[in-house]
Amino acid sequence: MHIDMVLNIICGLVIPWLAAIPLIRKKPRVLALICPIGAVASLVINSLGFQMGFWDFTPFIPNDESVSAMPLGLGIYPILGSYMIRTIQHHKSKTALVLFLFIFFTTLLEFIALLFGKVSYGNGWNIGYTFLSYVLAFGIVYLYYKLLNRFRML
């Protein structure tokens, strides 16, 4: 296995799930209900971005680019989405601020990955569009959370 893929698995999947242990212990329902939508949003957006040539992620896997980002789609993004919802539950009057901070933090993480050459952009993509893609992803998670609340599931 390529060292970049091992790094993706450790940083994108293992560490986020270890960081989720407090959430697993205290609010397993949040994790169980939010992680799937976070993963789906991430995997769909990433697949579209790879297919349209907007970004690439190391290791570069010809004709199957999304595989390299899959650990992040199953780890860091759904875990961040779950923590975002948990934070919103604690600070209901500051929902917009919480959303902005999670979107900004995730964009900052990607910017660092961009600086280190882990991510590369193409076809006019830039960090501003990345911010907007996270607005979409975290927005989907938030709307799903509102739907769950409506049905009294969360």
N, C-alpha and C. Protein backbone atom coordinates (compact mmCIF):
# COMPACT_ATOMS: atom_id res chain seq x y z
N MET A 1 0.85 -1.17 0.00
CA MET A 1 0.00 0.00 0.00
C MET A 1 0.90 1.24 0.00
N HIS A 2 0.52 2.21 -0.76
CA HIS A 2 1.27 3.46 -0.89
C HIS A 2 1.25 4.24 0.43
N ILE A 3 2.37 4.85 0.80
CA ILE A 3 2.48 5.59 2.05
C ILE A 3 1.45 6.72 2.15
N ASP A 4 1.13 7.36 1.02
CA ASP A 4 0.10 8.41 1.04
C ASP A 4 -1.26 7.85 1.42
N MET A 5 -1.55 6.63 0.99
CA MET A 5 -2.83 6.02 1.33
C MET A 5 -2.86 5.65 2.81
N VAL A 6 -1.75 5.18 3.33
CA VAL A 6 -1.67 4.88 4.77
C VAL A 6 -1.90 6.15 5.57
N LEU A 7 -1.31 7.26 5.12
CA LEU A 7 -1.51 8.55 5.77
C LEU A 7 -2.98 8.97 5.71
N ASN A 8 -3.63 8.75 4.57
CA ASN A 8 -5.05 9.06 4.44
C ASN A 8 -5.88 8.26 5.43
N ILE A 9 -5.57 6.99 5.57
CA ILE A 9 -6.32 6.12 6.47
C ILE A 9 -6.12 6.54 7.92
N ILE A 10 -4.87 6.83 8.28
CA ILE A 10 -4.59 7.22 9.67
C ILE A 10 -5.20 8.58 9.99
N CYS A 11 -4.89 9.58 9.16
CA CYS A 11 -5.35 10.96 9.45
C CYS A 11 -6.82 11.19 9.12
N GLY A 12 -7.31 10.52 8.10
CA GLY A 12 -8.68 10.76 7.64
C GLY A 12 -9.71 9.85 8.25
N LEU A 13 -9.28 8.68 8.76
CA LEU A 13 -10.24 7.70 9.27
C LEU A 13 -9.98 7.34 10.73
N VAL A 14 -8.77 6.89 11.04
CA VAL A 14 -8.48 6.38 12.38
C VAL A 14 -8.52 7.50 13.43
N ILE A 15 -7.77 8.57 13.20
CA ILE A 15 -7.73 9.66 14.18
C ILE A 15 -9.11 10.29 14.40
N PRO A 16 -9.87 10.57 13.32
CA PRO A 16 -11.22 11.11 13.57
C PRO A 16 -12.12 10.18 14.38
N TRP A 17 -12.04 8.88 14.13
CA TRP A 17 -12.88 7.96 14.89
C TRP A 17 -12.41 7.85 16.34
N LEU A 18 -11.11 7.98 16.57
CA LEU A 18 -10.62 8.03 17.95
C LEU A 18 -11.12 9.31 18.62
N ALA A 19 -11.12 10.41 17.88
CA ALA A 19 -11.62 11.68 18.41
C ALA A 19 -13.13 11.61 18.67
N ALA A 20 -13.81 10.68 18.04
CA ALA A 20 -15.27 10.55 18.21
C ALA A 20 -15.64 9.73 19.44
N ILE A 21 -14.68 9.16 20.12
CA ILE A 21 -14.98 8.31 21.29
C ILE A 21 -15.84 9.05 22.32
N PRO A 22 -15.54 10.31 22.67
CA PRO A 22 -16.43 11.00 23.63
C PRO A 22 -17.87 11.12 23.12
N LEU A 23 -18.02 11.35 21.83
CA LEU A 23 -19.36 11.45 21.24
C LEU A 23 -20.04 10.08 21.25
N ILE A 24 -19.29 9.04 20.99
CA ILE A 24 -19.83 7.67 21.02
C ILE A 24 -20.35 7.36 22.41
N ARG A 25 -19.60 7.76 23.42
CA ARG A 25 -19.99 7.47 24.81
C ARG A 25 -21.15 8.31 25.30
N LYS A 26 -21.14 9.62 24.96
CA LYS A 26 -22.13 10.53 25.52
C LYS A 26 -23.37 10.72 24.64
N LYS A 27 -23.19 10.73 23.33
CA LYS A 27 -24.30 10.99 22.42
C LYS A 27 -24.23 10.06 21.21
N PRO A 28 -24.35 8.76 21.42
CA PRO A 28 -24.24 7.82 20.30
C PRO A 28 -25.33 8.02 19.25
N ARG A 29 -26.49 8.51 19.67
CA ARG A 29 -27.58 8.73 18.73
C ARG A 29 -27.21 9.79 17.70
N VAL A 30 -26.54 10.88 18.14
CA VAL A 30 -26.10 11.92 17.21
C VAL A 30 -25.17 11.31 16.17
N LEU A 31 -24.21 10.55 16.64
CA LEU A 31 -23.25 9.92 15.72
C LEU A 31 -23.95 8.95 14.77
N ALA A 32 -24.83 8.13 15.31
CA ALA A 32 -25.51 7.12 14.49
C ALA A 32 -26.41 7.74 13.42
N LEU A 33 -27.00 8.89 13.72
CA LEU A 33 -27.92 9.52 12.77
C LEU A 33 -27.26 10.53 11.85
N ILE A 34 -26.18 11.15 12.29
CA ILE A 34 -25.55 12.19 11.49
C ILE A 34 -24.41 11.66 10.62
N CYS A 35 -23.66 10.70 11.11
CA CYS A 35 -22.53 10.17 10.31
C CYS A 35 -22.95 9.70 8.91
N PRO A 36 -24.04 8.96 8.77
CA PRO A 36 -24.40 8.51 7.41
C PRO A 36 -24.64 9.65 6.43
N ILE A 37 -25.31 10.71 6.84
CA ILE A 37 -25.56 11.81 5.90
C ILE A 37 -24.26 12.58 5.65
N GLY A 38 -23.41 12.68 6.65
CA GLY A 38 -22.12 13.33 6.45
C GLY A 38 -21.26 12.56 5.46
N ALA A 39 -21.27 11.24 5.58
CA ALA A 39 -20.50 10.40 4.66
C ALA A 39 -21.06 10.48 3.25
N VAL A 40 -22.37 10.40 3.11
CA VAL A 40 -22.99 10.46 1.78
C VAL A 40 -22.71 11.80 1.12
N ALA A 41 -22.89 12.90 1.86
CA ALA A 41 -22.62 14.23 1.29
C ALA A 41 -21.17 14.32 0.84
N SER A 42 -20.26 13.87 1.67
CA SER A 42 -18.84 13.92 1.34
C SER A 42 -18.51 13.08 0.12
N LEU A 43 -18.98 11.85 0.11
CA LEU A 43 -18.64 10.95 -1.00
C LEU A 43 -19.24 11.43 -2.32
N VAL A 44 -20.45 11.96 -2.29
CA VAL A 44 -21.07 12.46 -3.52
C VAL A 44 -20.33 13.70 -4.03
N ILE A 45 -20.10 14.66 -3.13
CA ILE A 45 -19.42 15.89 -3.55
C ILE A 45 -18.01 15.58 -4.05
N ASN A 46 -17.28 14.73 -3.32
CA ASN A 46 -15.93 14.36 -3.76
C ASN A 46 -15.95 13.65 -5.11
N SER A 47 -16.85 12.72 -5.28
CA SER A 47 -16.93 11.99 -6.55
C SER A 47 -17.18 12.95 -7.71
N LEU A 48 -18.10 13.89 -7.53
CA LEU A 48 -18.38 14.88 -8.57
C LEU A 48 -17.15 15.76 -8.83
N GLY A 49 -16.49 16.20 -7.76
CA GLY A 49 -15.31 17.03 -7.91
C GLY A 49 -14.18 16.33 -8.63
N PHE A 50 -13.96 15.07 -8.32
CA PHE A 50 -12.93 14.29 -9.01
C PHE A 50 -13.30 14.11 -10.48
N GLN A 51 -14.55 13.75 -10.72
CA GLN A 51 -15.01 13.50 -12.08
C GLN A 51 -14.92 14.74 -12.96
N MET A 52 -15.18 15.90 -12.38
CA MET A 52 -15.15 17.15 -13.14
C MET A 52 -13.75 17.77 -13.21
N GLY A 53 -12.79 17.12 -12.59
CA GLY A 53 -11.41 17.59 -12.63
C GLY A 53 -11.15 18.82 -11.78
N PHE A 54 -12.01 19.06 -10.78
CA PHE A 54 -11.82 20.22 -9.92
C PHE A 54 -10.69 20.01 -8.92
N TRP A 55 -10.52 18.79 -8.47
CA TRP A 55 -9.46 18.52 -7.51
C TRP A 55 -8.97 17.09 -7.66
N ASP A 56 -7.81 16.87 -7.08
CA ASP A 56 -7.23 15.53 -6.98
C ASP A 56 -6.57 15.43 -5.62
N PHE A 57 -6.36 14.22 -5.20
CA PHE A 57 -5.89 13.97 -3.85
C PHE A 57 -4.87 12.85 -3.93
N THR A 58 -3.79 12.95 -3.17
CA THR A 58 -2.78 11.91 -3.22
C THR A 58 -3.19 10.73 -2.35
N PRO A 59 -2.84 9.51 -2.71
CA PRO A 59 -2.11 9.17 -3.94
C PRO A 59 -3.01 9.30 -5.16
N PHE A 60 -2.41 9.73 -6.27
CA PHE A 60 -3.16 9.88 -7.51
C PHE A 60 -3.41 8.50 -8.08
N ILE A 61 -4.68 8.13 -8.19
CA ILE A 61 -5.06 6.81 -8.68
C ILE A 61 -5.80 7.02 -9.99
N PRO A 62 -5.14 6.76 -11.13
CA PRO A 62 -5.80 6.99 -12.42
C PRO A 62 -7.10 6.19 -12.54
N ASN A 63 -8.11 6.84 -13.06
CA ASN A 63 -9.43 6.24 -13.33
C ASN A 63 -10.18 5.82 -12.07
N ASP A 64 -9.69 6.15 -10.90
CA ASP A 64 -10.40 5.83 -9.66
C ASP A 64 -9.95 6.78 -8.55
N GLU A 65 -9.99 8.08 -8.85
CA GLU A 65 -9.46 9.09 -7.96
C GLU A 65 -10.14 9.14 -6.60
N SER A 66 -11.42 8.82 -6.56
CA SER A 66 -12.15 8.98 -5.30
C SER A 66 -11.70 8.00 -4.22
N VAL A 67 -11.02 6.93 -4.59
CA VAL A 67 -10.56 5.95 -3.61
C VAL A 67 -9.59 6.59 -2.61
N SER A 68 -8.73 7.48 -3.10
CA SER A 68 -7.74 8.09 -2.21
C SER A 68 -8.39 8.96 -1.13
N ALA A 69 -9.54 9.53 -1.40
CA ALA A 69 -10.23 10.39 -0.44
C ALA A 69 -11.29 9.64 0.36
N MET A 70 -11.50 8.37 0.07
CA MET A 70 -12.55 7.61 0.76
C MET A 70 -12.38 7.57 2.28
N PRO A 71 -11.15 7.41 2.80
CA PRO A 71 -11.04 7.42 4.27
C PRO A 71 -11.55 8.72 4.90
N LEU A 72 -11.36 9.84 4.22
CA LEU A 72 -11.86 11.11 4.73
C LEU A 72 -13.39 11.15 4.66
N GLY A 73 -13.94 10.60 3.60
CA GLY A 73 -15.39 10.56 3.43
C GLY A 73 -16.09 9.68 4.45
N LEU A 74 -15.34 8.72 4.99
CA LEU A 74 -15.89 7.83 6.01
C LEU A 74 -15.42 8.17 7.41
N GLY A 75 -14.54 9.15 7.52
CA GLY A 75 -13.97 9.49 8.80
C GLY A 75 -14.14 10.94 9.18
N ILE A 76 -13.22 11.77 8.75
CA ILE A 76 -13.17 13.15 9.23
C ILE A 76 -14.44 13.94 8.91
N TYR A 77 -14.99 13.80 7.70
CA TYR A 77 -16.16 14.61 7.35
C TYR A 77 -17.41 14.22 8.13
N PRO A 78 -17.76 12.94 8.23
CA PRO A 78 -18.94 12.60 9.04
C PRO A 78 -18.74 12.89 10.54
N ILE A 79 -17.50 12.73 11.02
CA ILE A 79 -17.24 13.02 12.43
C ILE A 79 -17.36 14.52 12.69
N LEU A 80 -16.78 15.33 11.80
CA LEU A 80 -16.93 16.79 11.95
C LEU A 80 -18.40 17.19 11.88
N GLY A 81 -19.15 16.58 10.98
CA GLY A 81 -20.59 16.88 10.89
C GLY A 81 -21.32 16.53 12.17
N SER A 82 -20.95 15.42 12.78
CA SER A 82 -21.58 15.00 14.04
C SER A 82 -21.23 15.96 15.16
N TYR A 83 -19.96 16.35 15.24
CA TYR A 83 -19.57 17.32 16.26
C TYR A 83 -20.22 18.68 16.01
N MET A 84 -20.39 19.04 14.76
CA MET A 84 -21.07 20.30 14.45
C MET A 84 -22.50 20.27 14.99
N ILE A 85 -23.21 19.18 14.75
CA ILE A 85 -24.59 19.08 15.22
C ILE A 85 -24.63 19.06 16.74
N ARG A 86 -23.71 18.37 17.36
CA ARG A 86 -23.67 18.35 18.83
C ARG A 86 -23.42 19.76 19.37
N THR A 87 -22.54 20.51 18.71
CA THR A 87 -22.26 21.88 19.14
C THR A 87 -23.48 22.76 18.94
N ILE A 88 -24.17 22.57 17.84
CA ILE A 88 -25.42 23.33 17.59
C ILE A 88 -26.46 23.01 18.66
N GLN A 89 -26.55 21.76 19.06
CA GLN A 89 -27.49 21.40 20.12
C GLN A 89 -27.16 22.13 21.43
N HIS A 90 -25.89 22.33 21.70
CA HIS A 90 -25.46 23.03 22.92
C HIS A 90 -25.60 24.54 22.82
N HIS A 91 -25.50 25.07 21.61
CA HIS A 91 -25.52 26.52 21.40
C HIS A 91 -26.55 26.88 20.33
N LYS A 92 -27.80 26.59 20.61
CA LYS A 92 -28.87 26.79 19.64
C LYS A 92 -28.97 28.23 19.13
N SER A 93 -28.67 29.18 19.98
CA SER A 93 -28.79 30.58 19.56
C SER A 93 -27.62 31.02 18.68
N LYS A 94 -26.62 30.18 18.55
CA LYS A 94 -25.43 30.53 17.77
C LYS A 94 -25.23 29.59 16.58
N THR A 95 -26.31 29.09 16.02
CA THR A 95 -26.24 28.12 14.93
C THR A 95 -25.42 28.63 13.75
N ALA A 96 -25.68 29.85 13.32
CA ALA A 96 -24.96 30.40 12.16
C ALA A 96 -23.47 30.49 12.44
N LEU A 97 -23.11 30.90 13.64
CA LEU A 97 -21.70 31.00 14.01
C LEU A 97 -21.05 29.61 14.04
N VAL A 98 -21.74 28.64 14.60
CA VAL A 98 -21.21 27.27 14.66
C VAL A 98 -21.01 26.73 13.24
N LEU A 99 -22.01 26.92 12.39
CA LEU A 99 -21.88 26.48 11.00
C LEU A 99 -20.67 27.14 10.34
N PHE A 100 -20.55 28.45 10.48
CA PHE A 100 -19.43 29.16 9.88
C PHE A 100 -18.10 28.64 10.40
N LEU A 101 -17.98 28.43 11.71
CA LEU A 101 -16.71 27.98 12.28
C LEU A 101 -16.32 26.60 11.77
N PHE A 102 -17.28 25.69 11.67
CA PHE A 102 -16.97 24.35 11.16
C PHE A 102 -16.60 24.41 9.68
N ILE A 103 -17.30 25.22 8.91
CA ILE A 103 -16.99 25.38 7.48
C ILE A 103 -15.60 26.01 7.32
N PHE A 104 -15.33 27.05 8.09
CA PHE A 104 -14.03 27.72 8.02
C PHE A 104 -12.90 26.78 8.44
N PHE A 105 -13.09 26.05 9.54
CA PHE A 105 -12.06 25.12 10.03
C PHE A 105 -11.77 24.04 9.00
N THR A 106 -12.80 23.48 8.40
CA THR A 106 -12.60 22.43 7.41
C THR A 106 -11.93 22.98 6.16
N THR A 107 -12.28 24.18 5.76
CA THR A 107 -11.62 24.83 4.63
C THR A 107 -10.15 25.08 4.97
N LEU A 108 -9.88 25.49 6.19
CA LEU A 108 -8.50 25.71 6.62
C LEU A 108 -7.70 24.41 6.58
N LEU A 109 -8.30 23.31 7.02
CA LEU A 109 -7.62 22.01 6.93
C LEU A 109 -7.28 21.68 5.48
N GLU A 110 -8.23 21.92 4.58
CA GLU A 110 -7.96 21.63 3.18
C GLU A 110 -6.90 22.58 2.62
N PHE A 111 -6.90 23.83 3.04
CA PHE A 111 -5.88 24.77 2.59
C PHE A 111 -4.49 24.30 3.01
N ILE A 112 -4.39 23.78 4.23
CA ILE A 112 -3.11 23.22 4.70
C ILE A 112 -2.71 22.03 3.83
N ALA A 113 -3.68 21.16 3.51
CA ALA A 113 -3.41 20.02 2.62
C ALA A 113 -2.97 20.51 1.24
N LEU A 114 -3.55 21.60 0.79
CA LEU A 114 -3.18 22.19 -0.50
C LEU A 114 -1.73 22.71 -0.45
N LEU A 115 -1.37 23.38 0.63
CA LEU A 115 -0.02 23.90 0.78
C LEU A 115 1.03 22.79 0.81
N PHE A 116 0.66 21.65 1.39
CA PHE A 116 1.58 20.51 1.49
C PHE A 116 1.54 19.60 0.28
N GLY A 117 0.73 19.95 -0.72
CA GLY A 117 0.67 19.16 -1.94
C GLY A 117 -0.17 17.90 -1.86
N LYS A 118 -0.95 17.77 -0.81
CA LYS A 118 -1.83 16.60 -0.64
C LYS A 118 -3.03 16.70 -1.57
N VAL A 119 -3.46 17.95 -1.81
CA VAL A 119 -4.59 18.24 -2.69
C VAL A 119 -4.09 19.14 -3.80
N SER A 120 -4.61 18.94 -5.00
CA SER A 120 -4.32 19.87 -6.09
C SER A 120 -5.64 20.23 -6.77
N TYR A 121 -5.71 21.47 -7.25
CA TYR A 121 -6.92 21.97 -7.88
C TYR A 121 -6.72 22.09 -9.39
N GLY A 122 -7.83 21.99 -10.13
CA GLY A 122 -7.81 22.15 -11.57
C GLY A 122 -9.11 22.74 -12.06
N ASN A 123 -9.18 23.02 -13.36
CA ASN A 123 -10.39 23.54 -14.01
C ASN A 123 -10.97 24.76 -13.30
N GLY A 124 -10.08 25.65 -12.85
CA GLY A 124 -10.53 26.90 -12.25
C GLY A 124 -10.94 26.80 -10.79
N TRP A 125 -10.81 25.63 -10.18
CA TRP A 125 -11.20 25.48 -8.78
C TRP A 125 -10.23 26.24 -7.90
N ASN A 126 -10.70 26.76 -6.77
CA ASN A 126 -9.83 27.47 -5.84
C ASN A 126 -10.37 27.31 -4.42
N ILE A 127 -9.66 27.87 -3.45
CA ILE A 127 -10.05 27.71 -2.05
C ILE A 127 -11.40 28.36 -1.75
N GLY A 128 -11.76 29.39 -2.47
CA GLY A 128 -13.08 30.00 -2.29
C GLY A 128 -14.20 29.04 -2.66
N TYR A 129 -14.02 28.34 -3.77
CA TYR A 129 -15.01 27.32 -4.15
C TYR A 129 -15.02 26.17 -3.15
N THR A 130 -13.85 25.89 -2.60
CA THR A 130 -13.79 24.85 -1.57
C THR A 130 -14.66 25.25 -0.38
N PHE A 131 -14.54 26.51 0.05
CA PHE A 131 -15.37 27.02 1.13
C PHE A 131 -16.85 26.81 0.80
N LEU A 132 -17.24 27.15 -0.43
CA LEU A 132 -18.64 26.99 -0.85
C LEU A 132 -19.05 25.52 -0.87
N SER A 133 -18.14 24.63 -1.26
CA SER A 133 -18.48 23.20 -1.25
C SER A 133 -18.73 22.72 0.17
N TYR A 134 -18.00 23.28 1.13
CA TYR A 134 -18.25 22.92 2.53
C TYR A 134 -19.53 23.56 3.05
N VAL A 135 -19.89 24.73 2.54
CA VAL A 135 -21.19 25.31 2.87
C VAL A 135 -22.28 24.33 2.44
N LEU A 136 -22.15 23.80 1.23
CA LEU A 136 -23.12 22.83 0.73
C LEU A 136 -23.15 21.58 1.59
N ALA A 137 -21.98 21.01 1.86
CA ALA A 137 -21.92 19.75 2.61
C ALA A 137 -22.46 19.91 4.03
N PHE A 138 -21.96 20.90 4.75
CA PHE A 138 -22.43 21.10 6.12
C PHE A 138 -23.87 21.61 6.14
N GLY A 139 -24.28 22.32 5.10
CA GLY A 139 -25.67 22.73 4.98
C GLY A 139 -26.60 21.54 4.84
N ILE A 140 -26.19 20.56 4.05
CA ILE A 140 -26.97 19.32 3.90
C ILE A 140 -27.10 18.62 5.25
N VAL A 141 -26.00 18.53 5.97
CA VAL A 141 -26.01 17.89 7.29
C VAL A 141 -26.96 18.64 8.22
N TYR A 142 -26.88 19.97 8.21
CA TYR A 142 -27.75 20.76 9.08
C TYR A 142 -29.22 20.60 8.71
N LEU A 143 -29.53 20.63 7.42
CA LEU A 143 -30.93 20.44 7.00
C LEU A 143 -31.45 19.06 7.39
N TYR A 144 -30.60 18.07 7.28
CA TYR A 144 -30.98 16.71 7.70
C TYR A 144 -31.24 16.67 9.21
N TYR A 145 -30.41 17.35 9.96
CA TYR A 145 -30.60 17.46 11.41
C TYR A 145 -31.96 18.10 11.71
N LYS A 146 -32.30 19.17 10.98
CA LYS A 146 -33.60 19.82 11.18
C LYS A 146 -34.75 18.84 10.87
N LEU A 147 -34.57 18.05 9.82
CA LEU A 147 -35.58 17.04 9.47
C LEU A 147 -35.71 16.01 10.59
N LEU A 148 -34.59 15.55 11.12
CA LEU A 148 -34.62 14.60 12.23
C LEU A 148 -35.33 15.20 13.44
N ASN A 149 -35.08 16.47 13.71
CA ASN A 149 -35.77 17.15 14.82
C ASN A 149 -37.27 17.22 14.57
N ARG A 150 -37.63 17.50 13.34
CA ARG A 150 -39.05 17.61 13.00
C ARG A 150 -39.79 16.31 13.30
N PHE A 151 -39.11 15.19 13.04
CA PHE A 151 -39.71 13.89 13.28
C PHE A 151 -39.37 13.34 14.67
N ARG A 152 -38.78 14.20 15.49
CA ARG A 152 -38.42 13.88 16.88
C ARG A 152 -37.54 12.63 16.97
N MET A 153 -36.59 12.56 16.07
CA MET A 153 -35.68 11.42 16.04
C MET A 153 -34.34 11.76 16.70
N LEU A 154 -34.12 13.05 16.92
CA LEU A 154 -32.85 13.44 17.51
C LEU A 154 -33.08 14.48 18.60
